[in-house]
Amino acid sequence: MALTEALKAELLEVALEAARRAGELLRDGRPSDLSVAATKSSAVDVVTEMDIAAEKLIAGFLAERRPGDGLLGEEGAETEGTTGVRWVVDPLDGTVNYLYGLPAWAVSIAAEYRGETVVGVVEAPLRRETYHAVLGQGAWLGGARLACRAAAPLDQALVATGFGYLQARRAHQAEVAARVIPLVRDVRRGGSAAVDLCDVACGRLDGYYERGLNPWDLAAGELIAREAGAVTGGRPGEPASGELTIAATPAVFGALQPLLEEAGAWHDGTA
């Protein structure tokens, strides 16, 4: 199977519909007594019954519409596939926000073709916003094309970050943040990597960085940020990854990446 414009259009259509359905389930089906169903890396890294239900919905829809594709989902769904297409799915990015009734959570769905992300959709139901991007075709919020903020120096930049769930990692991330805070306009901690990446794309942030992201956390949002004109990457010369993810306007990226490298943002404080 070749990656044609028709295939990209089909993948976008499928991703938008899957994200819409999952977003509606999460928004309208949230029980008033929502509780933790399981924990992952630590007692504060939680899964709710709704994470599981949303991933089941998405996986079923993708299997129906694109039965030969692979799938990698945060809550354990994984299939190999035979088409060269793999879906990378976070059914609920920002679970702790969702658990507490905070609005910064999203459904993140990306489609990879032979290992390259070609379609990304982030559905943020409580913000009533749907972001999408197709490789080489720009990034969009609904019908409005997105562009990251105009160039600004680091000391005038609003930068977001996130913190992991392992105690040692969080402690070191706080040390890194302490290095960053005096050099920027201000720092935000939103709680959803997908939403933060989209906020870089639409100009609500000048930059974002975080260590410890998984493929499903960043796949869709990173494409959306890049297609909006942001620069994305990890350590110098490396792509965004679990080691370190940075997305920022070109000027801010150029100043932020070496600062994070020097501060050791790419490790947990034991290196």
C-alpha atoms as a PDB file:
ATOM      1  CA  MET A   1       0.000   0.000   0.000  1.00  0.00           C
ATOM      2  CA  ALA A   2       1.381   3.402  -1.022  1.00  0.00           C
ATOM      3  CA  LEU A   3       0.880   6.600   0.945  1.00  0.00           C
ATOM      4  CA  THR A   4      -1.383   8.561  -1.384  1.00  0.00           C
ATOM      5  CA  GLU A   5      -3.319  11.757  -0.788  1.00  0.00           C
ATOM      6  CA  ALA A   6      -6.478   9.649  -0.811  1.00  0.00           C
ATOM      7  CA  LEU A   7      -5.085   7.430   1.940  1.00  0.00           C
ATOM      8  CA  LYS A   8      -4.102  10.417   4.067  1.00  0.00           C
ATOM      9  CA  ALA A   9      -7.595  11.850   3.633  1.00  0.00           C
ATOM     10  CA  GLU A  10      -9.120   8.539   4.683  1.00  0.00           C
ATOM     11  CA  LEU A  11      -6.879   8.275   7.743  1.00  0.00           C
ATOM     12  CA  LEU A  12      -7.816  11.807   8.779  1.00  0.00           C
ATOM     13  CA  GLU A  13     -11.519  11.088   8.397  1.00  0.00           C
ATOM     14  CA  VAL A  14     -11.229   7.923  10.485  1.00  0.00           C
ATOM     15  CA  ALA A  15      -9.144   9.642  13.179  1.00  0.00           C
ATOM     16  CA  LEU A  16     -11.559  12.561  13.465  1.00  0.00           C
ATOM     17  CA  GLU A  17     -14.557  10.269  13.845  1.00  0.00           C
ATOM     18  CA  ALA A  18     -12.838   7.982  16.364  1.00  0.00           C
ATOM     19  CA  ALA A  19     -11.721  10.969  18.449  1.00  0.00           C
ATOM     20  CA  ARG A  20     -15.189  12.543  18.284  1.00  0.00           C
ATOM     21  CA  ARG A  21     -16.872   9.355  19.480  1.00  0.00           C
ATOM     22  CA  ALA A  22     -14.399   8.820  22.294  1.00  0.00           C
ATOM     23  CA  GLY A  23     -14.626  12.463  23.333  1.00  0.00           C
ATOM     24  CA  GLU A  24     -18.401  12.261  23.548  1.00  0.00           C
ATOM     25  CA  LEU A  25     -18.175   9.092  25.625  1.00  0.00           C
ATOM     26  CA  LEU A  26     -15.733  10.697  28.039  1.00  0.00           C
ATOM     27  CA  ARG A  27     -17.630  13.977  28.280  1.00  0.00           C
ATOM     28  CA  ASP A  28     -21.161  12.613  28.538  1.00  0.00           C
ATOM     29  CA  GLY A  29     -20.462   9.297  30.240  1.00  0.00           C
ATOM     30  CA  ARG A  30     -18.313  10.486  33.126  1.00  0.00           C
ATOM     31  CA  PRO A  31     -19.889   9.071  36.286  1.00  0.00           C
ATOM     32  CA  SER A  32     -20.295  11.354  39.259  1.00  0.00           C
ATOM     33  CA  ASP A  33     -18.516   8.812  41.435  1.00  0.00           C
ATOM     34  CA  LEU A  34     -15.595   8.257  39.064  1.00  0.00           C
ATOM     35  CA  SER A  35     -12.807   6.351  40.770  1.00  0.00           C
ATOM     36  CA  VAL A  36      -9.379   4.910  40.046  1.00  0.00           C
ATOM     37  CA  ALA A  37      -9.457   1.527  38.320  1.00  0.00           C
ATOM     38  CA  ALA A  38      -5.712   0.845  38.434  1.00  0.00           C
ATOM     39  CA  THR A  39      -2.306   2.460  38.781  1.00  0.00           C
ATOM     40  CA  LYS A  40       0.676   2.271  36.441  1.00  0.00           C
ATOM     41  CA  SER A  41       4.148   3.540  37.292  1.00  0.00           C
ATOM     42  CA  SER A  42       3.209   4.757  40.777  1.00  0.00           C
ATOM     43  CA  ALA A  43       0.235   5.297  43.072  1.00  0.00           C
ATOM     44  CA  VAL A  44      -0.412   8.719  41.525  1.00  0.00           C
ATOM     45  CA  ASP A  45      -0.216   7.476  37.900  1.00  0.00           C
ATOM     46  CA  VAL A  46      -3.818   6.411  37.571  1.00  0.00           C
ATOM     47  CA  VAL A  47      -6.196   4.740  35.145  1.00  0.00           C
ATOM     48  CA  THR A  48      -9.954   5.204  35.424  1.00  0.00           C
ATOM     49  CA  GLU A  49     -12.721   3.015  34.076  1.00  0.00           C
ATOM     50  CA  MET A  50     -13.290   5.692  31.426  1.00  0.00           C
ATOM     51  CA  ASP A  51      -9.721   5.431  30.028  1.00  0.00           C
ATOM     52  CA  ILE A  52     -10.367   1.751  29.466  1.00  0.00           C
ATOM     53  CA  ALA A  53     -13.831   2.280  27.966  1.00  0.00           C
ATOM     54  CA  ALA A  54     -12.572   4.977  25.585  1.00  0.00           C
ATOM     55  CA  GLU A  55      -9.691   2.854  24.318  1.00  0.00           C
ATOM     56  CA  LYS A  56     -12.047  -0.085  23.773  1.00  0.00           C
ATOM     57  CA  LEU A  57     -14.359   2.175  21.750  1.00  0.00           C
ATOM     58  CA  ILE A  58     -11.503   3.524  19.622  1.00  0.00           C
ATOM     59  CA  ALA A  59      -9.937   0.113  19.048  1.00  0.00           C
ATOM     60  CA  GLY A  60     -13.270  -1.349  17.976  1.00  0.00           C
ATOM     61  CA  PHE A  61     -13.981   1.514  15.601  1.00  0.00           C
ATOM     62  CA  LEU A  62     -10.524   1.328  14.010  1.00  0.00           C
ATOM     63  CA  ALA A  63     -10.792  -2.456  13.623  1.00  0.00           C
ATOM     64  CA  GLU A  64     -14.116  -1.989  11.839  1.00  0.00           C
ATOM     65  CA  ARG A  65     -12.982   0.809   9.530  1.00  0.00           C
ATOM     66  CA  ARG A  66      -9.331  -0.219   8.975  1.00  0.00           C
ATOM     67  CA  PRO A  67      -9.083  -3.927   9.871  1.00  0.00           C
ATOM     68  CA  GLY A  68      -5.537  -4.470   8.566  1.00  0.00           C
ATOM     69  CA  ASP A  69      -3.885  -1.639  10.466  1.00  0.00           C
ATOM     70  CA  GLY A  70      -1.693  -1.905  13.544  1.00  0.00           C
ATOM     71  CA  LEU A  71      -2.542  -0.300  16.859  1.00  0.00           C
ATOM     72  CA  LEU A  72      -0.618   0.915  19.902  1.00  0.00           C
ATOM     73  CA  GLY A  73      -2.798   2.131  22.756  1.00  0.00           C
ATOM     74  CA  GLU A  74      -1.880   3.452  26.179  1.00  0.00           C
ATOM     75  CA  GLU A  75      -4.140   1.057  28.042  1.00  0.00           C
ATOM     76  CA  GLY A  76      -2.701  -2.068  26.446  1.00  0.00           C
ATOM     77  CA  ALA A  77      -4.293  -2.440  23.010  1.00  0.00           C
ATOM     78  CA  GLU A  78      -1.589  -3.552  20.576  1.00  0.00           C
ATOM     79  CA  THR A  79      -1.739  -5.282  17.180  1.00  0.00           C
ATOM     80  CA  GLU A  80       0.881  -5.572  14.452  1.00  0.00           C
ATOM     81  CA  GLY A  81      -1.110  -4.900  11.281  1.00  0.00           C
ATOM     82  CA  THR A  82      -0.281  -5.631   7.648  1.00  0.00           C
ATOM     83  CA  THR A  83      -0.930  -2.340   5.812  1.00  0.00           C
ATOM     84  CA  GLY A  84       2.026  -0.213   6.941  1.00  0.00           C
ATOM     85  CA  VAL A  85      -0.372   1.956   8.954  1.00  0.00           C
ATOM     86  CA  ARG A  86      -0.260   1.964  12.745  1.00  0.00           C
ATOM     87  CA  TRP A  87      -2.583   3.944  15.001  1.00  0.00           C
ATOM     88  CA  VAL A  88      -1.038   5.427  18.152  1.00  0.00           C
ATOM     89  CA  VAL A  89      -3.795   6.186  20.633  1.00  0.00           C
ATOM     90  CA  ASP A  90      -4.082   7.887  23.982  1.00  0.00           C
ATOM     91  CA  PRO A  91      -7.777   7.537  24.804  1.00  0.00           C
ATOM     92  CA  LEU A  92      -7.556  10.023  27.661  1.00  0.00           C
ATOM     93  CA  ASP A  93      -4.499  12.246  27.935  1.00  0.00           C
ATOM     94  CA  GLY A  94      -4.698  14.114  31.208  1.00  0.00           C
ATOM     95  CA  THR A  95      -6.360  11.393  33.285  1.00  0.00           C
ATOM     96  CA  VAL A  96      -5.702  13.111  36.614  1.00  0.00           C
ATOM     97  CA  ASN A  97      -7.309  16.310  35.303  1.00  0.00           C
ATOM     98  CA  TYR A  98     -10.298  14.223  34.178  1.00  0.00           C
ATOM     99  CA  LEU A  99     -10.505  12.487  37.559  1.00  0.00           C
ATOM    100  CA  TYR A 100     -10.612  15.845  39.336  1.00  0.00           C
ATOM    101  CA  GLY A 101     -13.040  17.491  36.905  1.00  0.00           C
ATOM    102  CA  LEU A 102     -10.471  19.833  35.369  1.00  0.00           C
ATOM    103  CA  PRO A 103     -10.994  20.648  31.658  1.00  0.00           C
ATOM    104  CA  ALA A 104      -7.452  20.109  30.298  1.00  0.00           C
ATOM    105  CA  TRP A 105      -7.769  16.563  28.946  1.00  0.00           C
ATOM    106  CA  ALA A 106      -8.023  15.198  25.445  1.00  0.00           C
ATOM    107  CA  VAL A 107      -8.283  12.219  23.140  1.00  0.00           C
ATOM    108  CA  SER A 108      -5.109  11.865  21.050  1.00  0.00           C
ATOM    109  CA  ILE A 109      -5.058   9.756  17.885  1.00  0.00           C
ATOM    110  CA  ALA A 110      -2.191   9.592  15.391  1.00  0.00           C
ATOM    111  CA  ALA A 111      -1.723   7.503  12.272  1.00  0.00           C
ATOM    112  CA  GLU A 112       1.778   6.420  11.322  1.00  0.00           C
ATOM    113  CA  TYR A 113       2.763   5.123   7.906  1.00  0.00           C
ATOM    114  CA  ARG A 114       5.884   2.964   7.934  1.00  0.00           C
ATOM    115  CA  GLY A 115       6.969   4.603  11.177  1.00  0.00           C
ATOM    116  CA  GLU A 116       6.312   8.253  10.253  1.00  0.00           C
ATOM    117  CA  THR A 117       3.385  10.157  11.726  1.00  0.00           C
ATOM    118  CA  VAL A 118       1.202  11.370   8.857  1.00  0.00           C
ATOM    119  CA  VAL A 119      -2.070  12.286  10.604  1.00  0.00           C
ATOM    120  CA  GLY A 120      -2.744  13.647  14.073  1.00  0.00           C
ATOM    121  CA  VAL A 121      -6.012  14.509  15.816  1.00  0.00           C
ATOM    122  CA  VAL A 122      -6.445  15.902  19.318  1.00  0.00           C
ATOM    123  CA  GLU A 123     -10.017  16.234  20.579  1.00  0.00           C
ATOM    124  CA  ALA A 124     -10.459  18.433  23.669  1.00  0.00           C
ATOM    125  CA  PRO A 125     -14.179  18.106  24.462  1.00  0.00           C
ATOM    126  CA  LEU A 126     -14.470  20.505  27.388  1.00  0.00           C
ATOM    127  CA  ARG A 127     -12.679  23.184  25.376  1.00  0.00           C
ATOM    128  CA  ARG A 128     -14.945  22.377  22.422  1.00  0.00           C
ATOM    129  CA  GLU A 129     -11.848  22.172  20.244  1.00  0.00           C
ATOM    130  CA  THR A 130     -10.661  19.657  17.665  1.00  0.00           C
ATOM    131  CA  TYR A 131      -7.122  20.021  16.348  1.00  0.00           C
ATOM    132  CA  HIS A 132      -5.799  18.103  13.375  1.00  0.00           C
ATOM    133  CA  ALA A 133      -2.842  17.960  11.045  1.00  0.00           C
ATOM    134  CA  VAL A 134      -1.829  16.012   7.976  1.00  0.00           C
ATOM    135  CA  LEU A 135       1.844  15.770   7.070  1.00  0.00           C
ATOM    136  CA  GLY A 136       2.675  18.581   4.647  1.00  0.00           C
ATOM    137  CA  GLN A 137      -0.796  20.137   4.806  1.00  0.00           C
ATOM    138  CA  GLY A 138      -0.649  22.384   7.859  1.00  0.00           C
ATOM    139  CA  ALA A 139      -2.374  22.275  11.228  1.00  0.00           C
ATOM    140  CA  TRP A 140      -5.954  23.245  11.918  1.00  0.00           C
ATOM    141  CA  LEU A 141      -8.340  24.053  14.735  1.00  0.00           C
ATOM    142  CA  GLY A 142     -11.671  23.259  13.175  1.00  0.00           C
ATOM    143  CA  GLY A 143     -11.597  25.215   9.926  1.00  0.00           C
ATOM    144  CA  ALA A 144      -8.957  27.744  11.021  1.00  0.00           C
ATOM    145  CA  ARG A 145      -5.349  27.204  10.012  1.00  0.00           C
ATOM    146  CA  LEU A 146      -2.930  27.379  12.922  1.00  0.00           C
ATOM    147  CA  ALA A 147       0.375  29.193  13.257  1.00  0.00           C
ATOM    148  CA  CYS A 148       2.641  29.323  16.285  1.00  0.00           C
ATOM    149  CA  ARG A 149       3.469  32.660  17.876  1.00  0.00           C
ATOM    150  CA  ALA A 150       5.760  35.209  16.308  1.00  0.00           C
ATOM    151  CA  ALA A 151       9.405  35.206  17.343  1.00  0.00           C
ATOM    152  CA  ALA A 152      10.117  36.367  20.890  1.00  0.00           C
ATOM    153  CA  PRO A 153      13.220  36.092  23.069  1.00  0.00           C
ATOM    154  CA  LEU A 154      13.301  33.479  25.803  1.00  0.00           C
ATOM    155  CA  ASP A 155      12.779  36.027  28.557  1.00  0.00           C
ATOM    156  CA  GLN A 156       9.422  36.925  26.983  1.00  0.00           C
ATOM    157  CA  ALA A 157       8.324  33.319  26.468  1.00  0.00           C
ATOM    158  CA  LEU A 158       5.470  31.527  28.197  1.00  0.00           C
ATOM    159  CA  VAL A 159       6.636  27.923  28.541  1.00  0.00           C
ATOM    160  CA  ALA A 160       4.726  24.855  29.720  1.00  0.00           C
ATOM    161  CA  THR A 161       6.118  21.682  31.179  1.00  0.00           C
ATOM    162  CA  GLY A 162       4.966  18.492  32.859  1.00  0.00           C
ATOM    163  CA  PHE A 163       6.100  16.264  35.682  1.00  0.00           C
ATOM    164  CA  GLY A 164       6.380  12.494  35.799  1.00  0.00           C
ATOM    165  CA  TYR A 165       4.880  10.191  38.384  1.00  0.00           C
ATOM    166  CA  LEU A 166       8.070   8.645  39.763  1.00  0.00           C
ATOM    167  CA  GLN A 167       9.329  10.442  42.868  1.00  0.00           C
ATOM    168  CA  ALA A 168      12.980  10.713  41.799  1.00  0.00           C
ATOM    169  CA  ARG A 169      12.020  11.993  38.361  1.00  0.00           C
ATOM    170  CA  ARG A 170       9.668  14.606  39.766  1.00  0.00           C
ATOM    171  CA  ALA A 171      12.328  15.878  42.146  1.00  0.00           C
ATOM    172  CA  HIS A 172      14.831  16.362  39.348  1.00  0.00           C
ATOM    173  CA  GLN A 173      12.198  17.920  37.080  1.00  0.00           C
ATOM    174  CA  ALA A 174      11.538  20.464  39.814  1.00  0.00           C
ATOM    175  CA  GLU A 175      15.256  21.290  39.825  1.00  0.00           C
ATOM    176  CA  VAL A 176      15.195  21.764  36.052  1.00  0.00           C
ATOM    177  CA  ALA A 177      12.113  23.989  36.318  1.00  0.00           C
ATOM    178  CA  ALA A 178      13.917  26.089  38.902  1.00  0.00           C
ATOM    179  CA  ARG A 179      16.654  26.687  36.306  1.00  0.00           C
ATOM    180  CA  VAL A 180      14.120  27.624  33.628  1.00  0.00           C
ATOM    181  CA  ILE A 181      11.720  29.856  35.589  1.00  0.00           C
ATOM    182  CA  PRO A 182      14.045  32.868  36.118  1.00  0.00           C
ATOM    183  CA  LEU A 183      14.874  32.963  32.388  1.00  0.00           C
ATOM    184  CA  VAL A 184      11.351  32.992  30.905  1.00  0.00           C
ATOM    185  CA  ARG A 185       8.226  35.121  31.185  1.00  0.00           C
ATOM    186  CA  ASP A 186       6.456  32.402  33.164  1.00  0.00           C
ATOM    187  CA  VAL A 187       5.876  28.651  33.361  1.00  0.00           C
ATOM    188  CA  ARG A 188       2.632  26.688  33.156  1.00  0.00           C
ATOM    189  CA  ARG A 189       1.851  23.088  34.086  1.00  0.00           C
ATOM    190  CA  GLY A 190      -1.351  22.010  32.315  1.00  0.00           C
ATOM    191  CA  GLY A 191      -1.368  18.261  32.873  1.00  0.00           C
ATOM    192  CA  SER A 192      -1.938  17.070  29.298  1.00  0.00           C
ATOM    193  CA  ALA A 193       0.948  16.800  26.849  1.00  0.00           C
ATOM    194  CA  ALA A 194      -1.426  16.641  23.885  1.00  0.00           C
ATOM    195  CA  VAL A 195      -3.167  19.862  24.923  1.00  0.00           C
ATOM    196  CA  ASP A 196       0.147  21.627  25.635  1.00  0.00           C
ATOM    197  CA  LEU A 197       1.499  20.708  22.192  1.00  0.00           C
ATOM    198  CA  CYS A 198      -1.672  22.039  20.566  1.00  0.00           C
ATOM    199  CA  ASP A 199      -1.397  25.224  22.623  1.00  0.00           C
ATOM    200  CA  VAL A 200       2.056  25.748  21.128  1.00  0.00           C
ATOM    201  CA  ALA A 201       0.519  25.208  17.683  1.00  0.00           C
ATOM    202  CA  CYS A 202      -2.207  27.805  18.183  1.00  0.00           C
ATOM    203  CA  GLY A 203      -0.022  30.422  19.857  1.00  0.00           C
ATOM    204  CA  ARG A 204      -1.208  30.088  23.448  1.00  0.00           C
ATOM    205  CA  LEU A 205       2.286  29.027  24.483  1.00  0.00           C
ATOM    206  CA  ASP A 206       5.732  29.921  23.161  1.00  0.00           C
ATOM    207  CA  GLY A 207       7.154  26.556  24.136  1.00  0.00           C
ATOM    208  CA  TYR A 208       6.705  23.260  25.949  1.00  0.00           C
ATOM    209  CA  TYR A 209       9.106  20.628  27.222  1.00  0.00           C
ATOM    210  CA  GLU A 210       8.809  17.389  29.156  1.00  0.00           C
ATOM    211  CA  ARG A 211      10.750  14.238  29.942  1.00  0.00           C
ATOM    212  CA  GLY A 212       9.098  10.838  30.121  1.00  0.00           C
ATOM    213  CA  LEU A 213       6.438  11.039  27.424  1.00  0.00           C
ATOM    214  CA  ASN A 214       5.269   7.876  25.700  1.00  0.00           C
ATOM    215  CA  PRO A 215       4.596   7.593  21.951  1.00  0.00           C
ATOM    216  CA  TRP A 216       0.853   7.964  22.498  1.00  0.00           C
ATOM    217  CA  ASP A 217       1.355  11.149  24.534  1.00  0.00           C
ATOM    218  CA  LEU A 218       3.188  13.031  21.816  1.00  0.00           C
ATOM    219  CA  ALA A 219       2.499  11.496  18.381  1.00  0.00           C
ATOM    220  CA  ALA A 220      -0.535  13.549  17.361  1.00  0.00           C
ATOM    221  CA  GLY A 221       0.325  16.762  19.182  1.00  0.00           C
ATOM    222  CA  GLU A 222       3.897  16.882  17.920  1.00  0.00           C
ATOM    223  CA  LEU A 223       2.729  16.668  14.300  1.00  0.00           C
ATOM    224  CA  ILE A 224       0.163  19.407  14.926  1.00  0.00           C
ATOM    225  CA  ALA A 225       2.814  21.667  16.479  1.00  0.00           C
ATOM    226  CA  ARG A 226       5.277  21.060  13.619  1.00  0.00           C
ATOM    227  CA  GLU A 227       2.672  21.666  10.952  1.00  0.00           C
ATOM    228  CA  ALA A 228       1.850  24.984  12.665  1.00  0.00           C
ATOM    229  CA  GLY A 229       5.465  26.109  12.274  1.00  0.00           C
ATOM    230  CA  ALA A 230       6.895  25.082  15.642  1.00  0.00           C
ATOM    231  CA  VAL A 231      10.234  23.327  15.919  1.00  0.00           C
ATOM    232  CA  THR A 232      10.150  19.998  17.734  1.00  0.00           C
ATOM    233  CA  GLY A 233      12.918  17.755  18.948  1.00  0.00           C
ATOM    234  CA  GLY A 234      14.654  16.268  21.947  1.00  0.00           C
ATOM    235  CA  ARG A 235      18.307  16.489  22.870  1.00  0.00           C
ATOM    236  CA  PRO A 236      20.489  18.307  20.298  1.00  0.00           C
ATOM    237  CA  GLY A 237      20.314  16.473  16.987  1.00  0.00           C
ATOM    238  CA  GLU A 238      17.660  14.030  18.178  1.00  0.00           C
ATOM    239  CA  PRO A 239      13.903  13.789  17.619  1.00  0.00           C
ATOM    240  CA  ALA A 240      11.303  14.224  20.322  1.00  0.00           C
ATOM    241  CA  SER A 241      11.130  11.097  22.455  1.00  0.00           C
ATOM    242  CA  GLY A 242      10.553   9.783  25.925  1.00  0.00           C
ATOM    243  CA  GLU A 243      13.999  11.036  26.865  1.00  0.00           C
ATOM    244  CA  LEU A 244      13.001  14.624  26.151  1.00  0.00           C
ATOM    245  CA  THR A 245      10.346  16.362  24.078  1.00  0.00           C
ATOM    246  CA  ILE A 246      10.536  20.059  23.179  1.00  0.00           C
ATOM    247  CA  ALA A 247       8.158  22.030  20.992  1.00  0.00           C
ATOM    248  CA  ALA A 248       8.501  25.770  20.593  1.00  0.00           C
ATOM    249  CA  THR A 249       8.622  28.681  18.222  1.00  0.00           C
ATOM    250  CA  PRO A 250      11.919  28.614  16.315  1.00  0.00           C
ATOM    251  CA  ALA A 251      13.491  31.398  18.378  1.00  0.00           C
ATOM    252  CA  VAL A 252      12.450  29.934  21.715  1.00  0.00           C
ATOM    253  CA  PHE A 253      13.482  26.420  20.682  1.00  0.00           C
ATOM    254  CA  GLY A 254      16.956  27.677  19.813  1.00  0.00           C
ATOM    255  CA  ALA A 255      17.398  29.111  23.297  1.00  0.00           C
ATOM    256  CA  LEU A 256      15.474  26.500  25.285  1.00  0.00           C
ATOM    257  CA  GLN A 257      17.112  23.335  23.943  1.00  0.00           C
ATOM    258  CA  PRO A 258      20.671  24.150  25.105  1.00  0.00           C
ATOM    259  CA  LEU A 259      19.329  25.366  28.444  1.00  0.00           C
ATOM    260  CA  LEU A 260      17.540  22.051  28.991  1.00  0.00           C
ATOM    261  CA  GLU A 261      20.580  20.103  27.848  1.00  0.00           C
ATOM    262  CA  GLU A 262      22.789  21.897  30.361  1.00  0.00           C
ATOM    263  CA  ALA A 263      20.194  21.456  33.117  1.00  0.00           C
ATOM    264  CA  GLY A 264      20.000  17.696  32.482  1.00  0.00           C
ATOM    265  CA  ALA A 265      16.305  17.702  31.592  1.00  0.00           C
ATOM    266  CA  TRP A 266      16.869  14.481  29.655  1.00  0.00           C
ATOM    267  CA  HIS A 267      17.650  12.318  32.690  1.00  0.00           C
ATOM    268  CA  ASP A 268      16.209  11.638  36.136  1.00  0.00           C
ATOM    269  CA  GLY A 269      18.939  13.159  38.228  1.00  0.00           C
ATOM    270  CA  THR A 270      21.027  10.029  38.631  1.00  0.00           C
ATOM    271  CA  ALA A 271      23.163  10.386  35.479  1.00  0.00           C
END
